[in-house]
Amino acid sequence: MNLNLTDWLGYVAATLTTASFVPQAWLIFRTRNVSGISLAMYSAFTVGIALWLAYGVMLGAWPIIIANIITLGLATCILVMKIKHQK
């Protein structure tokens, strides 16, 4: 695999933005406290991530595809927890 500076930039950005969701998801899984999560925001965000994934697939851009598969999984889990545990 021959990566250029653009590829490296994409992979580093994808890693950082995707990893930023892990602490939030972990906290929600542990506490089941979703009171600070906006249903409208997370719904829009999850759809947006799905669209970014589709965009990445259409471009064949692996940094976008990989990051958005992982982020979509985390965002979907948070959204499901919000719907399931909202008061």
Protein backbone atom coordinates (compact mmCIF):
# COMPACT_ATOMS: atom_id res chain seq x y z
CA MET A 1 0.00 0.00 0.00
CA ASN A 2 1.55 3.29 -1.13
CA LEU A 3 0.14 6.13 0.98
CA ASN A 4 0.75 9.75 0.12
CA LEU A 5 0.43 12.78 2.41
CA THR A 6 -3.26 13.19 1.52
CA ASP A 7 -4.00 9.59 2.52
CA TRP A 8 -2.12 9.98 5.80
CA LEU A 9 -3.99 13.19 6.54
CA GLY A 10 -7.30 11.42 5.89
CA TYR A 11 -6.43 8.45 8.09
CA VAL A 12 -5.23 10.64 10.99
CA ALA A 13 -8.35 12.85 10.77
CA ALA A 14 -10.59 9.79 10.55
CA THR A 15 -8.90 8.16 13.54
CA LEU A 16 -9.17 11.24 15.74
CA THR A 17 -12.77 12.09 14.91
CA THR A 18 -13.93 8.49 15.20
CA ALA A 19 -12.04 7.87 18.45
CA SER A 20 -13.63 10.98 19.96
CA PHE A 21 -16.98 9.14 20.09
CA VAL A 22 -15.69 6.20 22.10
CA PRO A 23 -15.66 7.93 25.53
CA GLN A 24 -19.20 9.25 25.06
CA ALA A 25 -20.52 5.90 23.88
CA TRP A 26 -18.76 4.09 26.73
CA LEU A 27 -20.18 6.52 29.31
CA ILE A 28 -23.71 6.06 27.97
CA PHE A 29 -23.37 2.26 27.90
CA ARG A 30 -22.11 2.23 31.49
CA THR A 31 -24.55 4.73 33.02
CA ARG A 32 -27.56 4.47 30.70
CA ASN A 33 -27.82 8.24 31.25
CA VAL A 34 -28.84 9.88 27.98
CA SER A 35 -30.33 13.05 29.45
CA GLY A 36 -27.61 15.24 27.95
CA ILE A 37 -28.07 13.86 24.45
CA SER A 38 -30.34 15.64 21.98
CA LEU A 39 -32.53 13.21 20.04
CA ALA A 40 -32.89 15.63 17.11
CA MET A 41 -29.14 16.30 16.95
CA TYR A 42 -28.16 12.62 17.15
CA SER A 43 -30.81 11.67 14.59
CA ALA A 44 -29.52 14.27 12.13
CA PHE A 45 -25.91 13.38 12.93
CA THR A 46 -26.49 9.66 12.35
CA VAL A 47 -28.16 10.30 8.99
CA GLY A 48 -25.30 12.65 8.10
CA ILE A 49 -22.73 9.97 8.92
CA ALA A 50 -24.64 7.47 6.76
CA LEU A 51 -24.50 9.97 3.89
CA TRP A 52 -20.75 10.53 4.44
CA LEU A 53 -20.33 6.76 4.28
CA ALA A 54 -22.24 6.63 0.99
CA TYR A 55 -20.09 9.49 -0.32
CA GLY A 56 -16.91 7.68 0.68
CA VAL A 57 -18.09 4.50 -1.00
CA MET A 58 -18.93 6.39 -4.19
CA LEU A 59 -15.44 7.93 -4.19
CA GLY A 60 -13.71 4.74 -3.12
CA ALA A 61 -12.05 6.79 -0.36
CA TRP A 62 -11.02 4.28 2.30
CA PRO A 63 -10.28 6.79 5.09
CA ILE A 64 -13.84 8.12 4.73
CA ILE A 65 -15.36 4.65 4.44
CA ILE A 66 -13.59 3.10 7.43
CA ALA A 67 -14.10 6.09 9.72
CA ASN A 68 -17.77 6.41 8.88
CA ILE A 69 -18.51 2.71 9.28
CA ILE A 70 -17.13 2.88 12.82
CA THR A 71 -18.69 6.26 13.62
CA LEU A 72 -22.05 5.16 12.22
CA GLY A 73 -21.97 2.12 14.48
CA LEU A 74 -21.17 4.22 17.55
CA ALA A 75 -23.68 6.96 16.68
CA THR A 76 -26.40 4.38 16.01
CA CYS A 77 -25.75 2.74 19.37
CA ILE A 78 -25.97 6.11 21.14
CA LEU A 79 -29.15 6.98 19.24
CA VAL A 80 -30.75 3.63 20.12
CA MET A 81 -29.81 4.12 23.77
CA LYS A 82 -31.32 7.62 23.67
CA ILE A 83 -34.59 6.32 22.25
CA LYS A 84 -34.67 3.34 24.63
CA HIS A 85 -33.72 5.20 27.83
CA GLN A 86 -35.15 8.70 27.39
CA LYS A 87 -37.48 9.90 30.11
